[in-house]
C-alpha atoms as a PDB file:
ATOM      1  CA  MET A   1       0.101  -0.063  -0.173  1.00  0.00           C
ATOM      2  CA  LEU A   2       2.809   2.256   0.716  1.00  0.00           C
ATOM      3  CA  GLU A   3       4.265   2.020  -2.685  1.00  0.00           C
ATOM      4  CA  PHE A   4       1.328   2.294  -4.304  1.00  0.00           C
ATOM      5  CA  ALA A   5       0.588   5.820  -2.119  1.00  0.00           C
ATOM      6  CA  GLU A   6       3.399   7.182  -3.066  1.00  0.00           C
ATOM      7  CA  ARG A   7       3.090   5.723  -6.847  1.00  0.00           C
ATOM      8  CA  VAL A   8      -0.439   8.145  -6.907  1.00  0.00           C
ATOM      9  CA  GLY A   9       1.304  10.742  -5.146  1.00  0.00           C
ATOM     10  CA  TRP A  10      -0.599   9.928  -1.606  1.00  0.00           C
ATOM     11  CA  ARG A  11      -4.258  11.515  -3.500  1.00  0.00           C
ATOM     12  CA  LEU A  12      -6.852   9.190  -4.793  1.00  0.00           C
ATOM     13  CA  GLN A  13      -7.839  11.428  -8.224  1.00  0.00           C
ATOM     14  CA  LYS A  14     -10.661   9.916 -10.336  1.00  0.00           C
ATOM     15  CA  LEU A  15      -8.457   9.995 -13.256  1.00  0.00           C
ATOM     16  CA  ASP A  16      -6.676   7.209 -11.683  1.00  0.00           C
ATOM     17  CA  ASP A  17      -9.983   5.278 -10.244  1.00  0.00           C
ATOM     18  CA  ALA A  18      -9.389   2.528 -12.661  1.00  0.00           C
ATOM     19  CA  MET A  19      -6.033   1.733 -11.189  1.00  0.00           C
ATOM     20  CA  VAL A  20      -7.258   1.984  -7.738  1.00  0.00           C
ATOM     21  CA  GLN A  21     -10.033  -0.286  -8.291  1.00  0.00           C
ATOM     22  CA  ALA A  22      -7.981  -2.764  -9.516  1.00  0.00           C
ATOM     23  CA  PHE A  23      -5.185  -2.327  -6.805  1.00  0.00           C
ATOM     24  CA  CYS A  24      -8.077  -2.635  -4.347  1.00  0.00           C
ATOM     25  CA  GLN A  25      -9.133  -5.878  -6.057  1.00  0.00           C
ATOM     26  CA  GLU A  26      -5.793  -7.153  -5.831  1.00  0.00           C
ATOM     27  CA  ILE A  27      -4.764  -6.378  -2.376  1.00  0.00           C
ATOM     28  CA  GLY A  28      -8.479  -7.440  -1.231  1.00  0.00           C
ATOM     29  CA  VAL A  29      -9.343  -3.702   0.424  1.00  0.00           C
ATOM     30  CA  LYS A  30     -12.204  -1.629  -0.409  1.00  0.00           C
ATOM     31  CA  ARG A  31     -11.701   2.047  -1.881  1.00  0.00           C
ATOM     32  CA  ARG A  32     -12.846   3.371   1.037  1.00  0.00           C
ATOM     33  CA  VAL A  33     -10.251   1.554   3.578  1.00  0.00           C
ATOM     34  CA  LEU A  34      -7.266   2.362   1.200  1.00  0.00           C
ATOM     35  CA  LYS A  35      -8.899   6.110   1.112  1.00  0.00           C
ATOM     36  CA  VAL A  36      -8.801   6.487   4.627  1.00  0.00           C
ATOM     37  CA  TRP A  37      -5.243   4.100   5.174  1.00  0.00           C
ATOM     38  CA  MET A  38      -3.504   6.866   2.686  1.00  0.00           C
ATOM     39  CA  HIS A  39      -5.337   9.928   4.985  1.00  0.00           C
ATOM     40  CA  ASN A  40      -3.774   8.340   8.658  1.00  0.00           C
ATOM     41  CA  ASN A  41      -0.447   8.142   7.242  1.00  0.00           C
ATOM     42  CA  LYS A  42       0.566  10.423   4.296  1.00  0.00           C
ATOM     43  CA  HIS A  43       2.255  12.409   6.837  1.00  0.00           C
ATOM     44  CA  ASN A  44       4.282  10.099   9.154  1.00  0.00           C
ATOM     45  CA  LEU A  45       5.132   7.625   6.380  1.00  0.00           C
ATOM     46  CA  ALA A  46       5.912  10.189   3.537  1.00  0.00           C
ATOM     47  CA  THR A  47       8.055  12.078   5.763  1.00  0.00           C
ATOM     48  CA  LYS A  48      10.253   8.995   7.174  1.00  0.00           C
ATOM     49  CA  ARG A  49      10.972   8.396   3.391  1.00  0.00           C
ATOM     50  CA  LEU A  50      11.700  12.186   2.791  1.00  0.00           C
ATOM     51  CA  GLN A  51      14.343  11.694   5.414  1.00  0.00           C
ATOM     52  CA  ALA A  52      15.640   7.582   5.242  1.00  0.00           C
ATOM     53  CA  SER A  53      16.955   9.459   1.822  1.00  0.00           C
ATOM     54  CA  PRO A  54      20.247  11.426   2.128  1.00  0.00           C
ATOM     55  CA  PRO A  55      19.845  14.825   0.539  1.00  0.00           C
ATOM     56  CA  PRO A  56      21.483  15.382  -2.999  1.00  0.00           C
ATOM     57  CA  PRO A  57      24.912  16.078  -2.595  1.00  0.00           C
ATOM     58  CA  GLN A  58      25.735  19.939  -2.924  1.00  0.00           C
ATOM     59  CA  MET A  59      28.518  21.966  -3.801  1.00  0.00           C
ATOM     60  CA  PRO A  60      30.300  23.776  -1.862  1.00  0.00           C
ATOM     61  CA  VAL A  61      29.754  27.636  -2.296  1.00  0.00           C
ATOM     62  CA  PRO A  62      33.148  29.560  -2.081  1.00  0.00           C
ATOM     63  CA  MET A  63      32.413  32.603   0.113  1.00  0.00           C
ATOM     64  CA  PRO A  64      33.648  36.429  -1.249  1.00  0.00           C
ATOM     65  CA  ALA A  65      36.598  37.451   1.037  1.00  0.00           C
ATOM     66  CA  MET A  66      35.065  39.652   3.789  1.00  0.00           C
ATOM     67  CA  ALA A  67      36.260  42.956   3.933  1.00  0.00           C
ATOM     68  CA  PRO A  68      37.214  44.225   7.778  1.00  0.00           C
ATOM     69  CA  PRO A  69      34.454  45.852   9.970  1.00  0.00           C
ATOM     70  CA  PRO A  70      34.614  49.265  10.135  1.00  0.00           C
ATOM     71  CA  MET A  71      36.762  51.367  12.531  1.00  0.00           C
ATOM     72  CA  PRO A  72      34.867  53.049  15.186  1.00  0.00           C
ATOM     73  CA  VAL A  73      34.581  56.504  15.334  1.00  0.00           C
ATOM     74  CA  PRO A  74      35.975  58.426  18.443  1.00  0.00           C
ATOM     75  CA  MET A  75      33.243  60.695  20.157  1.00  0.00           C
ATOM     76  CA  SER A  76      35.273  63.588  19.580  1.00  0.00           C
ATOM     77  CA  ALA A  77      34.971  63.578  15.426  1.00  0.00           C
ATOM     78  CA  MET A  78      31.393  63.556  15.591  1.00  0.00           C
ATOM     79  CA  ALA A  79      29.067  66.162  15.042  1.00  0.00           C
ATOM     80  CA  PRO A  80      26.766  66.979  18.122  1.00  0.00           C
ATOM     81  CA  PRO A  81      22.817  66.491  17.227  1.00  0.00           C
ATOM     82  CA  PRO A  82      20.802  69.380  15.621  1.00  0.00           C
ATOM     83  CA  THR A  83      19.094  71.078  18.711  1.00  0.00           C
ATOM     84  CA  THR A  84      15.288  72.279  17.420  1.00  0.00           C
ATOM     85  CA  THR A  85      13.425  75.025  19.442  1.00  0.00           C
ATOM     86  CA  GLN A  86       9.899  73.295  20.054  1.00  0.00           C
ATOM     87  CA  GLN A  87       6.930  74.860  21.806  1.00  0.00           C
ATOM     88  CA  PRO A  88       4.982  73.302  24.410  1.00  0.00           C
ATOM     89  CA  GLY A  89       1.722  72.142  23.110  1.00  0.00           C
ATOM     90  CA  PRO A  90      -1.293  70.806  24.638  1.00  0.00           C
ATOM     91  CA  SER A  91      -0.652  68.397  27.705  1.00  0.00           C
ATOM     92  CA  TYR A  92      -2.745  64.907  27.136  1.00  0.00           C
ATOM     93  CA  HIS A  93      -2.161  64.169  30.723  1.00  0.00           C
ATOM     94  CA  ILE A  94      -5.293  63.643  32.640  1.00  0.00           C
ATOM     95  CA  GLY A  95      -5.249  65.399  36.145  1.00  0.00           C
ATOM     96  CA  THR A  96      -7.391  67.408  37.907  1.00  0.00           C
ATOM     97  CA  SER A  97      -8.339  69.954  35.041  1.00  0.00           C
ATOM     98  CA  SER A  98     -10.241  66.877  33.365  1.00  0.00           C
ATOM     99  CA  PRO A  99     -13.859  66.914  33.190  1.00  0.00           C
ATOM    100  CA  PRO A 100     -15.491  64.359  35.296  1.00  0.00           C
ATOM    101  CA  PRO A 101     -16.540  60.598  33.946  1.00  0.00           C
ATOM    102  CA  LEU A 102     -19.819  60.202  32.143  1.00  0.00           C
ATOM    103  CA  LYS A 103     -22.579  58.591  34.355  1.00  0.00           C
ATOM    104  CA  LEU A 104     -24.508  56.010  32.251  1.00  0.00           C
ATOM    105  CA  GLU A 105     -28.267  55.604  33.053  1.00  0.00           C
END
Protein backbone atom coordinates (compact mmCIF):
# COMPACT_ATOMS: atom_id res chain seq x y z
CA MET A 1 0.00 0.00 0.00
CA LEU A 2 2.91 2.32 0.74
CA GLU A 3 4.37 1.85 -2.74
CA PHE A 4 0.98 2.47 -4.34
CA ALA A 5 0.40 5.58 -2.22
CA GLU A 6 3.76 7.00 -3.26
CA ARG A 7 3.08 6.15 -6.90
CA VAL A 8 -0.21 8.10 -6.92
CA GLY A 9 1.22 10.94 -4.84
CA TRP A 10 -0.78 10.13 -1.67
CA ARG A 11 -4.01 11.23 -3.43
CA LEU A 12 -6.83 9.25 -4.99
CA GLN A 13 -8.01 11.16 -8.03
CA LYS A 14 -10.85 10.33 -10.40
CA LEU A 15 -8.38 10.01 -13.29
CA ASP A 16 -6.69 7.10 -11.50
CA ASP A 17 -9.99 5.41 -10.60
CA ALA A 18 -9.43 2.31 -12.76
CA MET A 19 -5.93 1.86 -11.36
CA VAL A 20 -7.22 2.33 -7.78
CA GLN A 21 -10.02 -0.20 -8.32
CA ALA A 22 -7.57 -2.74 -9.77
CA PHE A 23 -5.17 -2.26 -6.86
CA CYS A 24 -7.92 -2.57 -4.24
CA GLN A 25 -9.22 -5.74 -5.87
CA GLU A 26 -5.68 -7.16 -6.03
CA ILE A 27 -4.98 -6.66 -2.31
CA GLY A 28 -8.55 -7.34 -1.20
CA VAL A 29 -9.56 -4.04 0.42
CA LYS A 30 -12.29 -1.57 -0.40
CA ARG A 31 -11.48 1.82 -1.91
CA ARG A 32 -12.64 3.57 1.26
CA VAL A 33 -10.22 1.49 3.38
CA LEU A 34 -7.32 2.48 1.12
CA LYS A 35 -8.40 6.11 1.23
CA VAL A 36 -8.55 6.15 5.05
CA TRP A 37 -5.20 4.36 5.31
CA MET A 38 -3.59 6.93 3.00
CA HIS A 39 -5.11 9.80 4.96
CA ASN A 40 -3.91 8.39 8.28
CA ASN A 41 -0.38 7.61 7.11
CA LYS A 42 0.56 10.25 4.54
CA HIS A 43 2.30 12.60 6.98
CA ASN A 44 3.97 9.94 9.06
CA LEU A 45 5.24 7.58 6.34
CA ALA A 46 5.93 10.16 3.65
CA THR A 47 8.18 12.22 5.94
CA LYS A 48 10.03 9.14 7.20
CA ARG A 49 10.81 8.14 3.63
CA LEU A 50 12.10 11.64 2.87
CA GLN A 51 14.29 11.65 5.98
CA ALA A 52 15.65 8.17 5.26
CA SER A 53 16.88 9.12 1.80
CA PRO A 54 20.10 11.14 1.95
CA PRO A 55 19.91 14.63 0.47
CA PRO A 56 21.63 15.10 -2.89
CA PRO A 57 25.23 16.26 -2.53
CA GLN A 58 25.63 19.97 -2.97
CA MET A 59 28.63 21.77 -4.28
CA PRO A 60 30.11 24.11 -1.68
CA VAL A 61 29.61 27.72 -2.62
CA PRO A 62 32.84 29.70 -2.33
CA MET A 63 32.46 32.61 0.03
CA PRO A 64 33.73 35.99 -1.19
CA ALA A 65 36.49 37.57 0.83
CA MET A 66 35.02 39.46 3.75
CA ALA A 67 35.98 43.08 4.24
CA PRO A 68 37.19 43.98 7.73
CA PRO A 69 34.61 45.69 9.95
CA PRO A 70 34.69 49.51 9.94
CA MET A 71 36.72 51.21 12.62
CA PRO A 72 34.73 52.99 15.34
CA VAL A 73 34.59 56.77 15.09
CA PRO A 74 35.82 58.62 18.22
CA MET A 75 33.17 60.71 19.99
CA SER A 76 35.23 63.87 19.52
CA ALA A 77 34.98 63.55 15.72
CA MET A 78 31.18 63.25 15.73
CA ALA A 79 29.02 66.35 15.26
CA PRO A 80 26.64 67.19 18.10
CA PRO A 81 22.97 66.43 17.44
CA PRO A 82 20.98 69.37 16.06
CA THR A 83 18.97 71.33 18.59
CA THR A 84 15.38 72.12 17.77
CA THR A 85 13.21 74.68 19.46
CA GLN A 86 9.78 73.29 20.18
CA GLN A 87 6.85 75.21 21.51
CA PRO A 88 5.06 73.57 24.39
CA GLY A 89 1.93 71.87 23.12
CA PRO A 90 -1.27 70.78 24.80
CA SER A 91 -0.92 68.21 27.52
CA TYR A 92 -3.01 65.07 27.18
CA HIS A 93 -2.40 63.88 30.71
CA ILE A 94 -5.42 63.26 32.86
CA GLY A 95 -5.29 65.44 35.90
CA THR A 96 -7.43 67.72 38.02
CA SER A 97 -8.45 69.81 35.03
CA SER A 98 -10.12 66.91 33.19
CA PRO A 99 -13.92 66.74 33.14
CA PRO A 100 -15.72 64.33 35.46
CA PRO A 101 -16.45 60.86 34.04
CA LEU A 102 -19.80 60.35 32.30
CA LYS A 103 -22.58 58.58 34.15
CA LEU A 104 -24.49 55.95 32.23
CA GLU A 105 -28.10 55.46 33.25
